[in-house]
Amino acid sequence: MGIQSFPSARRGSRHFNRLRLGAPASLVLTHESRRCLIDDISATGARLRIDRPLAERQSAQLVFHELRLFATVMWCRGAECGLQFERPLEQEDMQGMLWITENRAVYERICETGHAMDWSDGIGD
C-alpha cells in the first residue's frame, strides 16, 4: 500500500493531506533542544505538541528517528505549534511514517532495541 500527497479538498491554507502520527520527536532550536510530540504531519509541515510556547518565525530542526527536517515555526498557540518544512518530505519518508502508524508496537520495539544497542556500544546517553 502506498501513500501519495494529493491536494486536499478542504478550504483554508492546508494544501496536502496530513497523517496523524502521535509520535515523540525532538525540536532543535538555536539555543536548546526540546522534546515534542508530532500530532500530525504532511509533506510540507507538521503540528506539534510542546511544553512551552515558541516564538513564531524562528528556525528549527525537527528530529524524528533518522529524519532531520529544517523548518520554520509558523504559529504557536499554547501547547501546540505548526511547522513549515524548508523542503517537502520525500514520498519514502511519508511511507515510513505511515508504516510507523500502522505498526506502532514494532516501531517502539525497534527504538528500544536500538537504544540498548547504542548503550552497549557506548554511544549516546
PDB file of N, CA and C in Angstrom:
ATOM      1  N   MET A   1       0.840  -1.168   0.000  1.00  0.00           N
ATOM      2  CA  MET A   1       0.000   0.000   0.000  1.00  0.00           C
ATOM      3  C   MET A   1       0.888   1.236   0.000  1.00  0.00           C
ATOM      4  N   GLY A   2       0.670   2.145  -0.886  1.00  0.00           N
ATOM      5  CA  GLY A   2       1.460   3.369  -0.978  1.00  0.00           C
ATOM      6  C   GLY A   2       0.702   4.558  -0.431  1.00  0.00           C
ATOM      7  N   ILE A   3       1.401   5.618  -0.295  1.00  0.00           N
ATOM      8  CA  ILE A   3       0.802   6.858   0.178  1.00  0.00           C
ATOM      9  C   ILE A   3       1.189   7.958  -0.787  1.00  0.00           C
ATOM     10  N   GLN A   4       0.241   8.800  -1.120  1.00  0.00           N
ATOM     11  CA  GLN A   4       0.533   9.910  -2.018  1.00  0.00           C
ATOM     12  C   GLN A   4      -0.050  11.175  -1.422  1.00  0.00           C
ATOM     13  N   SER A   5       0.589  12.287  -1.667  1.00  0.00           N
ATOM     14  CA  SER A   5       0.092  13.577  -1.193  1.00  0.00           C
ATOM     15  C   SER A   5      -0.678  14.250  -2.315  1.00  0.00           C
ATOM     16  N   PHE A   6      -1.976  14.124  -2.263  1.00  0.00           N
ATOM     17  CA  PHE A   6      -2.828  14.797  -3.225  1.00  0.00           C
ATOM     18  C   PHE A   6      -3.328  16.080  -2.593  1.00  0.00           C
ATOM     19  N   PRO A   7      -3.539  17.107  -3.369  1.00  0.00           N
ATOM     20  CA  PRO A   7      -4.099  18.333  -2.796  1.00  0.00           C
ATOM     21  C   PRO A   7      -5.400  18.040  -2.068  1.00  0.00           C
ATOM     22  N   SER A   8      -5.541  18.646  -0.921  1.00  0.00           N
ATOM     23  CA  SER A   8      -6.718  18.460  -0.094  1.00  0.00           C
ATOM     24  C   SER A   8      -7.907  19.209  -0.673  1.00  0.00           C
ATOM     25  N   ALA A   9      -9.096  18.674  -0.480  1.00  0.00           N
ATOM     26  CA  ALA A   9     -10.317  19.324  -0.957  1.00  0.00           C
ATOM     27  C   ALA A   9     -10.830  20.358   0.042  1.00  0.00           C
ATOM     28  N   ARG A  10     -10.174  20.447   1.220  1.00  0.00           N
ATOM     29  CA  ARG A  10     -10.620  21.384   2.250  1.00  0.00           C
ATOM     30  C   ARG A  10     -10.364  22.826   1.852  1.00  0.00           C
ATOM     31  N   ARG A  11     -11.116  23.706   2.505  1.00  0.00           N
ATOM     32  CA  ARG A  11     -10.865  25.129   2.347  1.00  0.00           C
ATOM     33  C   ARG A  11      -9.793  25.543   3.336  1.00  0.00           C
ATOM     34  N   GLY A  12      -9.189  26.695   3.131  1.00  0.00           N
ATOM     35  CA  GLY A  12      -8.169  27.186   4.042  1.00  0.00           C
ATOM     36  C   GLY A  12      -6.802  27.092   3.410  1.00  0.00           C
ATOM     37  N   SER A  13      -5.771  27.181   4.245  1.00  0.00           N
ATOM     38  CA  SER A  13      -4.408  27.220   3.721  1.00  0.00           C
ATOM     39  C   SER A  13      -3.762  25.850   3.596  1.00  0.00           C
ATOM     40  N   ARG A  14      -4.403  24.795   4.070  1.00  0.00           N
ATOM     41  CA  ARG A  14      -3.823  23.457   4.005  1.00  0.00           C
ATOM     42  C   ARG A  14      -3.982  22.901   2.596  1.00  0.00           C
ATOM     43  N   HIS A  15      -2.859  22.474   1.989  1.00  0.00           N
ATOM     44  CA  HIS A  15      -2.900  22.004   0.618  1.00  0.00           C
ATOM     45  C   HIS A  15      -2.651  20.513   0.462  1.00  0.00           C
ATOM     46  N   PHE A  16      -2.102  19.857   1.480  1.00  0.00           N
ATOM     47  CA  PHE A  16      -1.807  18.434   1.380  1.00  0.00           C
ATOM     48  C   PHE A  16      -2.441  17.689   2.547  1.00  0.00           C
ATOM     49  N   ASN A  17      -2.805  16.428   2.309  1.00  0.00           N
ATOM     50  CA  ASN A  17      -3.372  15.601   3.353  1.00  0.00           C
ATOM     51  C   ASN A  17      -2.354  15.385   4.459  1.00  0.00           C
ATOM     52  N   ARG A  18      -2.855  15.233   5.682  1.00  0.00           N
ATOM     53  CA  ARG A  18      -1.991  15.060   6.840  1.00  0.00           C
ATOM     54  C   ARG A  18      -2.150  13.648   7.396  1.00  0.00           C
ATOM     55  N   LEU A  19      -1.057  13.145   7.948  1.00  0.00           N
ATOM     56  CA  LEU A  19      -1.018  11.822   8.550  1.00  0.00           C
ATOM     57  C   LEU A  19      -0.971  12.002  10.060  1.00  0.00           C
ATOM     58  N   ARG A  20      -1.937  11.452  10.780  1.00  0.00           N
ATOM     59  CA  ARG A  20      -1.923  11.530  12.239  1.00  0.00           C
ATOM     60  C   ARG A  20      -0.848  10.568  12.733  1.00  0.00           C
ATOM     61  N   LEU A  21       0.124  11.104  13.485  1.00  0.00           N
ATOM     62  CA  LEU A  21       1.269  10.289  13.879  1.00  0.00           C
ATOM     63  C   LEU A  21       1.295  10.019  15.375  1.00  0.00           C
ATOM     64  N   GLY A  22       1.222  11.047  16.212  1.00  0.00           N
ATOM     65  CA  GLY A  22       1.262  10.855  17.663  1.00  0.00           C
ATOM     66  C   GLY A  22       2.561  10.213  18.130  1.00  0.00           C
ATOM     67  N   ALA A  23       3.688  10.661  17.593  1.00  0.00           N
ATOM     68  CA  ALA A  23       4.981  10.051  17.921  1.00  0.00           C
ATOM     69  C   ALA A  23       5.925  11.076  18.549  1.00  0.00           C
ATOM     70  N   PRO A  24       6.737  10.639  19.529  1.00  0.00           N
ATOM     71  CA  PRO A  24       7.697  11.561  20.143  1.00  0.00           C
ATOM     72  C   PRO A  24       8.830  11.914  19.188  1.00  0.00           C
ATOM     73  N   ALA A  25       9.322  13.145  19.324  1.00  0.00           N
ATOM     74  CA  ALA A  25      10.424  13.631  18.489  1.00  0.00           C
ATOM     75  C   ALA A  25      11.170  14.692  19.293  1.00  0.00           C
ATOM     76  N   SER A  26      12.149  15.318  18.665  1.00  0.00           N
ATOM     77  CA  SER A  26      12.886  16.426  19.277  1.00  0.00           C
ATOM     78  C   SER A  26      12.817  17.621  18.345  1.00  0.00           C
ATOM     79  N   LEU A  27      12.817  18.784  18.948  1.00  0.00           N
ATOM     80  CA  LEU A  27      12.845  20.026  18.198  1.00  0.00           C
ATOM     81  C   LEU A  27      14.124  20.755  18.603  1.00  0.00           C
ATOM     82  N   VAL A  28      15.040  20.924  17.648  1.00  0.00           N
ATOM     83  CA  VAL A  28      16.316  21.574  17.920  1.00  0.00           C
ATOM     84  C   VAL A  28      16.210  23.029  17.498  1.00  0.00           C
ATOM     85  N   LEU A  29      16.413  23.915  18.477  1.00  0.00           N
ATOM     86  CA  LEU A  29      16.386  25.355  18.242  1.00  0.00           C
ATOM     87  C   LEU A  29      17.815  25.885  18.315  1.00  0.00           C
ATOM     88  N   THR A  30      18.017  27.145  18.044  1.00  0.00           N
ATOM     89  CA  THR A  30      19.374  27.696  18.061  1.00  0.00           C
ATOM     90  C   THR A  30      19.998  27.644  19.445  1.00  0.00           C
ATOM     91  N   HIS A  31      19.207  27.680  20.497  1.00  0.00           N
ATOM     92  CA  HIS A  31      19.733  27.755  21.853  1.00  0.00           C
ATOM     93  C   HIS A  31      19.387  26.572  22.742  1.00  0.00           C
ATOM     94  N   GLU A  32      18.592  25.624  22.251  1.00  0.00           N
ATOM     95  CA  GLU A  32      18.193  24.476  23.070  1.00  0.00           C
ATOM     96  C   GLU A  32      17.530  23.394  22.214  1.00  0.00           C
ATOM     97  N   SER A  33      17.389  22.225  22.823  1.00  0.00           N
ATOM     98  CA  SER A  33      16.610  21.140  22.230  1.00  0.00           C
ATOM     99  C   SER A  33      15.441  20.856  23.159  1.00  0.00           C
ATOM    100  N   ARG A  34      14.299  20.559  22.563  1.00  0.00           N
ATOM    101  CA  ARG A  34      13.105  20.251  23.349  1.00  0.00           C
ATOM    102  C   ARG A  34      12.476  18.974  22.839  1.00  0.00           C
ATOM    103  N   ARG A  35      11.897  18.240  23.745  1.00  0.00           N
ATOM    104  CA  ARG A  35      11.086  17.087  23.354  1.00  0.00           C
ATOM    105  C   ARG A  35       9.736  17.605  22.873  1.00  0.00           C
ATOM    106  N   CYS A  36       9.156  16.890  21.938  1.00  0.00           N
ATOM    107  CA  CYS A  36       7.837  17.272  21.432  1.00  0.00           C
ATOM    108  C   CYS A  36       7.112  16.008  20.985  1.00  0.00           C
ATOM    109  N   LEU A  37       5.887  16.163  20.600  1.00  0.00           N
ATOM    110  CA  LEU A  37       5.077  15.074  20.073  1.00  0.00           C
ATOM    111  C   LEU A  37       4.538  15.525  18.724  1.00  0.00           C
ATOM    112  N   ILE A  38       4.780  14.745  17.685  1.00  0.00           N
ATOM    113  CA  ILE A  38       4.247  15.068  16.358  1.00  0.00           C
ATOM    114  C   ILE A  38       2.801  14.590  16.318  1.00  0.00           C
ATOM    115  N   ASP A  39       1.861  15.522  16.367  1.00  0.00           N
ATOM    116  CA  ASP A  39       0.444  15.164  16.288  1.00  0.00           C
ATOM    117  C   ASP A  39       0.089  14.711  14.878  1.00  0.00           C
ATOM    118  N   ASP A  40       0.420  15.549  13.902  1.00  0.00           N
ATOM    119  CA  ASP A  40       0.192  15.157  12.512  1.00  0.00           C
ATOM    120  C   ASP A  40       1.245  15.810  11.634  1.00  0.00           C
ATOM    121  N   ILE A  41       1.385  15.232  10.450  1.00  0.00           N
ATOM    122  CA  ILE A  41       2.447  15.663   9.542  1.00  0.00           C
ATOM    123  C   ILE A  41       1.979  15.508   8.108  1.00  0.00           C
ATOM    124  N   SER A  42       2.472  16.396   7.255  1.00  0.00           N
ATOM    125  CA  SER A  42       2.229  16.296   5.815  1.00  0.00           C
ATOM    126  C   SER A  42       3.574  16.447   5.129  1.00  0.00           C
ATOM    127  N   ALA A  43       3.573  16.466   3.826  1.00  0.00           N
ATOM    128  CA  ALA A  43       4.822  16.630   3.092  1.00  0.00           C
ATOM    129  C   ALA A  43       5.427  18.010   3.320  1.00  0.00           C
ATOM    130  N   THR A  44       4.621  18.989   3.715  1.00  0.00           N
ATOM    131  CA  THR A  44       5.116  20.361   3.822  1.00  0.00           C
ATOM    132  C   THR A  44       5.177  20.921   5.237  1.00  0.00           C
ATOM    133  N   GLY A  45       4.662  20.205   6.230  1.00  0.00           N
ATOM    134  CA  GLY A  45       4.696  20.731   7.586  1.00  0.00           C
ATOM    135  C   GLY A  45       4.167  19.757   8.612  1.00  0.00           C
ATOM    136  N   ALA A  46       4.169  20.205   9.874  1.00  0.00           N
ATOM    137  CA  ALA A  46       3.722  19.354  10.969  1.00  0.00           C
ATOM    138  C   ALA A  46       3.086  20.199  12.063  1.00  0.00           C
ATOM    139  N   ARG A  47       2.204  19.554  12.823  1.00  0.00           N
ATOM    140  CA  ARG A  47       1.625  20.161  14.026  1.00  0.00           C
ATOM    141  C   ARG A  47       2.196  19.398  15.208  1.00  0.00           C
ATOM    142  N   LEU A  48       2.809  20.137  16.143  1.00  0.00           N
ATOM    143  CA  LEU A  48       3.478  19.524  17.289  1.00  0.00           C
ATOM    144  C   LEU A  48       2.805  19.909  18.587  1.00  0.00           C
ATOM    145  N   ARG A  49       2.938  19.047  19.582  1.00  0.00           N
ATOM    146  CA  ARG A  49       2.599  19.399  20.957  1.00  0.00           C
ATOM    147  C   ARG A  49       3.913  19.668  21.671  1.00  0.00           C
ATOM    148  N   ILE A  50       3.964  20.773  22.379  1.00  0.00           N
ATOM    149  CA  ILE A  50       5.184  21.203  23.057  1.00  0.00           C
ATOM    150  C   ILE A  50       4.849  21.589  24.495  1.00  0.00           C
ATOM    151  N   ASP A  51       5.880  21.665  25.350  1.00  0.00           N
ATOM    152  CA  ASP A  51       5.615  22.010  26.747  1.00  0.00           C
ATOM    153  C   ASP A  51       5.651  23.509  27.020  1.00  0.00           C
ATOM    154  N   ARG A  52       6.364  24.279  26.191  1.00  0.00           N
ATOM    155  CA  ARG A  52       6.442  25.736  26.350  1.00  0.00           C
ATOM    156  C   ARG A  52       6.282  26.392  24.986  1.00  0.00           C
ATOM    157  N   PRO A  53       5.658  27.556  24.935  1.00  0.00           N
ATOM    158  CA  PRO A  53       5.467  28.240  23.651  1.00  0.00           C
ATOM    159  C   PRO A  53       6.791  28.582  22.958  1.00  0.00           C
ATOM    160  N   LEU A  54       6.724  28.699  21.650  1.00  0.00           N
ATOM    161  CA  LEU A  54       7.863  29.082  20.822  1.00  0.00           C
ATOM    162  C   LEU A  54       7.563  30.400  20.131  1.00  0.00           C
ATOM    163  N   ALA A  55       8.612  31.115  19.777  1.00  0.00           N
ATOM    164  CA  ALA A  55       8.439  32.345  19.006  1.00  0.00           C
ATOM    165  C   ALA A  55       8.144  31.987  17.549  1.00  0.00           C
ATOM    166  N   GLU A  56       7.199  32.686  16.967  1.00  0.00           N
ATOM    167  CA  GLU A  56       6.892  32.474  15.550  1.00  0.00           C
ATOM    168  C   GLU A  56       8.053  32.949  14.685  1.00  0.00           C
ATOM    169  N   ARG A  57       8.177  32.336  13.538  1.00  0.00           N
ATOM    170  CA  ARG A  57       9.183  32.654  12.513  1.00  0.00           C
ATOM    171  C   ARG A  57      10.607  32.257  12.897  1.00  0.00           C
ATOM    172  N   GLN A  58      10.780  31.531  14.010  1.00  0.00           N
ATOM    173  CA  GLN A  58      12.130  31.077  14.320  1.00  0.00           C
ATOM    174  C   GLN A  58      12.431  29.784  13.580  1.00  0.00           C
ATOM    175  N   SER A  59      13.691  29.573  13.304  1.00  0.00           N
ATOM    176  CA  SER A  59      14.138  28.361  12.623  1.00  0.00           C
ATOM    177  C   SER A  59      14.240  27.223  13.628  1.00  0.00           C
ATOM    178  N   ALA A  60      14.003  26.028  13.138  1.00  0.00           N
ATOM    179  CA  ALA A  60      14.076  24.844  13.988  1.00  0.00           C
ATOM    180  C   ALA A  60      14.423  23.637  13.122  1.00  0.00           C
ATOM    181  N   GLN A  61      14.833  22.589  13.789  1.00  0.00           N
ATOM    182  CA  GLN A  61      15.068  21.323  13.109  1.00  0.00           C
ATOM    183  C   GLN A  61      14.266  20.266  13.855  1.00  0.00           C
ATOM    184  N   LEU A  62      13.344  19.603  13.147  1.00  0.00           N
ATOM    185  CA  LEU A  62      12.554  18.529  13.724  1.00  0.00           C
ATOM    186  C   LEU A  62      13.329  17.235  13.520  1.00  0.00           C
ATOM    187  N   VAL A  63      13.602  16.542  14.616  1.00  0.00           N
ATOM    188  CA  VAL A  63      14.374  15.302  14.559  1.00  0.00           C
ATOM    189  C   VAL A  63      13.440  14.163  14.946  1.00  0.00           C
ATOM    190  N   PHE A  64      13.225  13.259  14.008  1.00  0.00           N
ATOM    191  CA  PHE A  64      12.363  12.107  14.234  1.00  0.00           C
ATOM    192  C   PHE A  64      13.039  10.886  13.633  1.00  0.00           C
ATOM    193  N   HIS A  65      13.344   9.917  14.481  1.00  0.00           N
ATOM    194  CA  HIS A  65      14.044   8.711  14.070  1.00  0.00           C
ATOM    195  C   HIS A  65      15.308   9.110  13.312  1.00  0.00           C
ATOM    196  N   GLU A  66      15.436   8.820  12.040  1.00  0.00           N
ATOM    197  CA  GLU A  66      16.624   9.200  11.282  1.00  0.00           C
ATOM    198  C   GLU A  66      16.422  10.459  10.439  1.00  0.00           C
ATOM    199  N   LEU A  67      15.240  11.052  10.514  1.00  0.00           N
ATOM    200  CA  LEU A  67      14.958  12.264   9.741  1.00  0.00           C
ATOM    201  C   LEU A  67      15.422  13.512  10.484  1.00  0.00           C
ATOM    202  N   ARG A  68      15.948  14.448   9.732  1.00  0.00           N
ATOM    203  CA  ARG A  68      16.328  15.773  10.235  1.00  0.00           C
ATOM    204  C   ARG A  68      15.680  16.774   9.288  1.00  0.00           C
ATOM    205  N   LEU A  69      14.613  17.438   9.740  1.00  0.00           N
ATOM    206  CA  LEU A  69      13.820  18.304   8.875  1.00  0.00           C
ATOM    207  C   LEU A  69      13.956  19.755   9.296  1.00  0.00           C
ATOM    208  N   PHE A  70      14.544  20.583   8.444  1.00  0.00           N
ATOM    209  CA  PHE A  70      14.654  22.007   8.725  1.00  0.00           C
ATOM    210  C   PHE A  70      13.302  22.660   8.477  1.00  0.00           C
ATOM    211  N   ALA A  71      12.919  23.558   9.402  1.00  0.00           N
ATOM    212  CA  ALA A  71      11.578  24.134   9.341  1.00  0.00           C
ATOM    213  C   ALA A  71      11.562  25.520   9.965  1.00  0.00           C
ATOM    214  N   THR A  72      10.421  26.184   9.777  1.00  0.00           N
ATOM    215  CA  THR A  72      10.147  27.465  10.403  1.00  0.00           C
ATOM    216  C   THR A  72       8.884  27.315  11.239  1.00  0.00           C
ATOM    217  N   VAL A  73       8.901  27.868  12.454  1.00  0.00           N
ATOM    218  CA  VAL A  73       7.708  27.876  13.304  1.00  0.00           C
ATOM    219  C   VAL A  73       6.755  28.920  12.720  1.00  0.00           C
ATOM    220  N   MET A  74       5.606  28.474  12.252  1.00  0.00           N
ATOM    221  CA  MET A  74       4.651  29.378  11.607  1.00  0.00           C
ATOM    222  C   MET A  74       3.625  29.941  12.572  1.00  0.00           C
ATOM    223  N   TRP A  75       3.258  29.160  13.577  1.00  0.00           N
ATOM    224  CA  TRP A  75       2.294  29.622  14.573  1.00  0.00           C
ATOM    225  C   TRP A  75       2.516  28.849  15.864  1.00  0.00           C
ATOM    226  N   CYS A  76       2.064  29.427  16.956  1.00  0.00           N
ATOM    227  CA  CYS A  76       2.153  28.776  18.256  1.00  0.00           C
ATOM    228  C   CYS A  76       0.964  29.233  19.089  1.00  0.00           C
ATOM    229  N   ARG A  77       0.186  28.261  19.579  1.00  0.00           N
ATOM    230  CA  ARG A  77      -0.976  28.545  20.423  1.00  0.00           C
ATOM    231  C   ARG A  77      -0.935  27.594  21.614  1.00  0.00           C
ATOM    232  N   GLY A  78      -0.547  28.126  22.759  1.00  0.00           N
ATOM    233  CA  GLY A  78      -0.491  27.301  23.963  1.00  0.00           C
ATOM    234  C   GLY A  78       0.499  26.161  23.812  1.00  0.00           C
ATOM    235  N   ALA A  79       0.000  24.942  23.930  1.00  0.00           N
ATOM    236  CA  ALA A  79       0.848  23.757  23.889  1.00  0.00           C
ATOM    237  C   ALA A  79       0.978  23.171  22.481  1.00  0.00           C
ATOM    238  N   GLU A  80       0.600  23.916  21.452  1.00  0.00           N
ATOM    239  CA  GLU A  80       0.706  23.438  20.074  1.00  0.00           C
ATOM    240  C   GLU A  80       1.441  24.453  19.214  1.00  0.00           C
ATOM    241  N   CYS A  81       2.137  23.944  18.199  1.00  0.00           N
ATOM    242  CA  CYS A  81       2.752  24.837  17.221  1.00  0.00           C
ATOM    243  C   CYS A  81       2.718  24.167  15.853  1.00  0.00           C
ATOM    244  N   GLY A  82       2.844  24.978  14.824  1.00  0.00           N
ATOM    245  CA  GLY A  82       2.850  24.496  13.455  1.00  0.00           C
ATOM    246  C   GLY A  82       4.179  24.806  12.788  1.00  0.00           C
ATOM    247  N   LEU A  83       4.744  23.826  12.113  1.00  0.00           N
ATOM    248  CA  LEU A  83       5.994  23.993  11.384  1.00  0.00           C
ATOM    249  C   LEU A  83       5.742  23.938   9.893  1.00  0.00           C
ATOM    250  N   GLN A  84       6.514  24.701   9.151  1.00  0.00           N
ATOM    251  CA  GLN A  84       6.542  24.595   7.695  1.00  0.00           C
ATOM    252  C   GLN A  84       7.953  24.146   7.337  1.00  0.00           C
ATOM    253  N   PHE A  85       8.045  23.024   6.615  1.00  0.00           N
ATOM    254  CA  PHE A  85       9.346  22.476   6.256  1.00  0.00           C
ATOM    255  C   PHE A  85      10.009  23.296   5.165  1.00  0.00           C
ATOM    256  N   GLU A  86      11.341  23.359   5.226  1.00  0.00           N
ATOM    257  CA  GLU A  86      12.122  24.071   4.212  1.00  0.00           C
ATOM    258  C   GLU A  86      11.949  23.412   2.844  1.00  0.00           C
ATOM    259  N   ARG A  87      11.937  22.074   2.834  1.00  0.00           N
ATOM    260  CA  ARG A  87      11.713  21.300   1.603  1.00  0.00           C
ATOM    261  C   ARG A  87      10.650  20.249   1.879  1.00  0.00           C
ATOM    262  N   PRO A  88       9.818  19.946   0.907  1.00  0.00           N
ATOM    263  CA  PRO A  88       8.810  18.897   1.123  1.00  0.00           C
ATOM    264  C   PRO A  88       9.458  17.552   1.432  1.00  0.00           C
ATOM    265  N   LEU A  89       8.774  16.792   2.272  1.00  0.00           N
ATOM    266  CA  LEU A  89       9.236  15.440   2.600  1.00  0.00           C
ATOM    267  C   LEU A  89       9.188  14.554   1.361  1.00  0.00           C
ATOM    268  N   GLU A  90      10.132  13.658   1.265  1.00  0.00           N
ATOM    269  CA  GLU A  90      10.148  12.684   0.173  1.00  0.00           C
ATOM    270  C   GLU A  90       9.023  11.671   0.376  1.00  0.00           C
ATOM    271  N   GLN A  91       8.560  11.108  -0.706  1.00  0.00           N
ATOM    272  CA  GLN A  91       7.500  10.084  -0.679  1.00  0.00           C
ATOM    273  C   GLN A  91       7.886   8.919   0.237  1.00  0.00           C
ATOM    274  N   GLU A  92       9.141   8.490   0.193  1.00  0.00           N
ATOM    275  CA  GLU A  92       9.606   7.358   1.011  1.00  0.00           C
ATOM    276  C   GLU A  92       9.509   7.686   2.504  1.00  0.00           C
ATOM    277  N   ASP A  93       9.796   8.941   2.860  1.00  0.00           N
ATOM    278  CA  ASP A  93       9.711   9.336   4.262  1.00  0.00           C
ATOM    279  C   ASP A  93       8.265   9.310   4.745  1.00  0.00           C
ATOM    280  N   MET A  94       7.344   9.779   3.922  1.00  0.00           N
ATOM    281  CA  MET A  94       5.927   9.732   4.290  1.00  0.00           C
ATOM    282  C   MET A  94       5.453   8.281   4.393  1.00  0.00           C
ATOM    283  N   GLN A  95       5.926   7.415   3.509  1.00  0.00           N
ATOM    284  CA  GLN A  95       5.563   5.997   3.594  1.00  0.00           C
ATOM    285  C   GLN A  95       6.101   5.374   4.874  1.00  0.00           C
ATOM    286  N   GLY A  96       7.325   5.772   5.276  1.00  0.00           N
ATOM    287  CA  GLY A  96       7.889   5.276   6.528  1.00  0.00           C
ATOM    288  C   GLY A  96       7.052   5.699   7.720  1.00  0.00           C
ATOM    289  N   MET A  97       6.567   6.934   7.700  1.00  0.00           N
ATOM    290  CA  MET A  97       5.732   7.408   8.795  1.00  0.00           C
ATOM    291  C   MET A  97       4.388   6.687   8.819  1.00  0.00           C
ATOM    292  N   LEU A  98       3.846   6.390   7.653  1.00  0.00           N
ATOM    293  CA  LEU A  98       2.616   5.611   7.585  1.00  0.00           C
ATOM    294  C   LEU A  98       2.851   4.227   8.176  1.00  0.00           C
ATOM    295  N   TRP A  99       4.000   3.617   7.856  1.00  0.00           N
ATOM    296  CA  TRP A  99       4.334   2.305   8.414  1.00  0.00           C
ATOM    297  C   TRP A  99       4.373   2.371   9.939  1.00  0.00           C
ATOM    298  N   ILE A 100       4.941   3.438  10.485  1.00  0.00           N
ATOM    299  CA  ILE A 100       5.022   3.592  11.938  1.00  0.00           C
ATOM    300  C   ILE A 100       3.629   3.649  12.545  1.00  0.00           C
ATOM    301  N   THR A 101       2.710   4.397  11.933  1.00  0.00           N
ATOM    302  CA  THR A 101       1.359   4.496  12.487  1.00  0.00           C
ATOM    303  C   THR A 101       0.641   3.152  12.439  1.00  0.00           C
ATOM    304  N   GLU A 102       0.936   2.347  11.436  1.00  0.00           N
ATOM    305  CA  GLU A 102       0.281   1.048  11.295  1.00  0.00           C
ATOM    306  C   GLU A 102       0.977  -0.063  12.079  1.00  0.00           C
ATOM    307  N   ASN A 103       2.199   0.168  12.516  1.00  0.00           N
ATOM    308  CA  ASN A 103       2.989  -0.857  13.208  1.00  0.00           C
ATOM    309  C   ASN A 103       3.641  -0.273  14.462  1.00  0.00           C
ATOM    310  N   ARG A 104       2.849   0.413  15.271  1.00  0.00           N
ATOM    311  CA  ARG A 104       3.377   1.148  16.423  1.00  0.00           C
ATOM    312  C   ARG A 104       4.172   0.259  17.381  1.00  0.00           C
ATOM    313  N   ALA A 105       3.670  -0.909  17.739  1.00  0.00           N
ATOM    314  CA  ALA A 105       4.364  -1.770  18.701  1.00  0.00           C
ATOM    315  C   ALA A 105       5.716  -2.223  18.151  1.00  0.00           C
ATOM    316  N   VAL A 106       5.760  -2.578  16.891  1.00  0.00           N
ATOM    317  CA  VAL A 106       7.019  -2.999  16.268  1.00  0.00           C
ATOM    318  C   VAL A 106       8.006  -1.837  16.244  1.00  0.00           C
ATOM    319  N   TYR A 107       7.530  -0.642  15.889  1.00  0.00           N
ATOM    320  CA  TYR A 107       8.384   0.538  15.851  1.00  0.00           C
ATOM    321  C   TYR A 107       8.981   0.822  17.227  1.00  0.00           C
ATOM    322  N   GLU A 108       8.151   0.775  18.272  1.00  0.00           N
ATOM    323  CA  GLU A 108       8.645   1.050  19.627  1.00  0.00           C
ATOM    324  C   GLU A 108       9.677   0.019  20.060  1.00  0.00           C
ATOM    325  N   ARG A 109       9.474  -1.239  19.681  1.00  0.00           N
ATOM    326  CA  ARG A 109      10.471  -2.280  19.997  1.00  0.00           C
ATOM    327  C   ARG A 109      11.788  -2.020  19.278  1.00  0.00           C
ATOM    328  N   ILE A 110      11.716  -1.601  18.010  1.00  0.00           N
ATOM    329  CA  ILE A 110      12.928  -1.272  17.241  1.00  0.00           C
ATOM    330  C   ILE A 110      13.680  -0.127  17.919  1.00  0.00           C
ATOM    331  N   CYS A 111      12.943   0.900  18.364  1.00  0.00           N
ATOM    332  CA  CYS A 111      13.585   2.038  19.038  1.00  0.00           C
ATOM    333  C   CYS A 111      14.244   1.596  20.335  1.00  0.00           C
ATOM    334  N   GLU A 112      13.545   0.796  21.133  1.00  0.00           N
ATOM    335  CA  GLU A 112      14.115   0.323  22.397  1.00  0.00           C
ATOM    336  C   GLU A 112      15.349  -0.529  22.155  1.00  0.00           C
ATOM    337  N   THR A 113      15.294  -1.417  21.175  1.00  0.00           N
ATOM    338  CA  THR A 113      16.439  -2.269  20.853  1.00  0.00           C
ATOM    339  C   THR A 113      17.605  -1.420  20.369  1.00  0.00           C
ATOM    340  N   GLY A 114      17.316  -0.418  19.552  1.00  0.00           N
ATOM    341  CA  GLY A 114      18.366   0.469  19.049  1.00  0.00           C
ATOM    342  C   GLY A 114      19.048   1.234  20.160  1.00  0.00           C
ATOM    343  N   HIS A 115      18.259   1.730  21.140  1.00  0.00           N
ATOM    344  CA  HIS A 115      18.836   2.453  22.273  1.00  0.00           C
ATOM    345  C   HIS A 115      19.698   1.520  23.118  1.00  0.00           C
ATOM    346  N   ALA A 116      19.233   0.300  23.322  1.00  0.00           N
ATOM    347  CA  ALA A 116      20.008  -0.664  24.111  1.00  0.00           C
ATOM    348  C   ALA A 116      21.307  -1.018  23.400  1.00  0.00           C
ATOM    349  N   MET A 117      21.259  -1.183  22.081  1.00  0.00           N
ATOM    350  CA  MET A 117      22.473  -1.493  21.329  1.00  0.00           C
ATOM    351  C   MET A 117      23.444  -0.317  21.379  1.00  0.00           C
ATOM    352  N   ASP A 118      22.934   0.918  21.256  1.00  0.00           N
ATOM    353  CA  ASP A 118      23.793   2.100  21.344  1.00  0.00           C
ATOM    354  C   ASP A 118      24.458   2.171  22.717  1.00  0.00           C
ATOM    355  N   TRP A 119      23.664   1.905  23.774  1.00  0.00           N
ATOM    356  CA  TRP A 119      24.210   1.959  25.119  1.00  0.00           C
ATOM    357  C   TRP A 119      25.306   0.920  25.293  1.00  0.00           C
ATOM    358  N   SER A 120      25.088  -0.293  24.789  1.00  0.00           N
ATOM    359  CA  SER A 120      26.104  -1.345  24.942  1.00  0.00           C
ATOM    360  C   SER A 120      27.356  -1.038  24.135  1.00  0.00           C
ATOM    361  N   ASP A 121      27.212  -0.266  23.054  1.00  0.00           N
ATOM    362  CA  ASP A 121      28.365   0.131  22.239  1.00  0.00           C
ATOM    363  C   ASP A 121      29.005   1.406  22.765  1.00  0.00           C
ATOM    364  N   GLY A 122      28.430   2.002  23.829  1.00  0.00           N
ATOM    365  CA  GLY A 122      28.994   3.222  24.387  1.00  0.00           C
ATOM    366  C   GLY A 122      28.634   4.475  23.624  1.00  0.00           C
ATOM    367  N   ILE A 123      27.514   4.419  22.883  1.00  0.00           N
ATOM    368  CA  ILE A 123      27.064   5.574  22.086  1.00  0.00           C
ATOM    369  C   ILE A 123      25.860   6.197  22.764  1.00  0.00           C
ATOM    370  N   GLY A 124      25.805   7.501  22.784  1.00  0.00           N
ATOM    371  CA  GLY A 124      24.624   8.197  23.306  1.00  0.00           C
ATOM    372  C   GLY A 124      24.638   8.341  24.810  1.00  0.00           C
ATOM    373  N   ASP A 125      23.434   8.583  25.369  1.00  0.00           N
ATOM    374  CA  ASP A 125      23.286   8.855  26.818  1.00  0.00           C
ATOM    375  C   ASP A 125      23.405   7.594  27.628  1.00  0.00           C
TER     376      ASP A 125
END
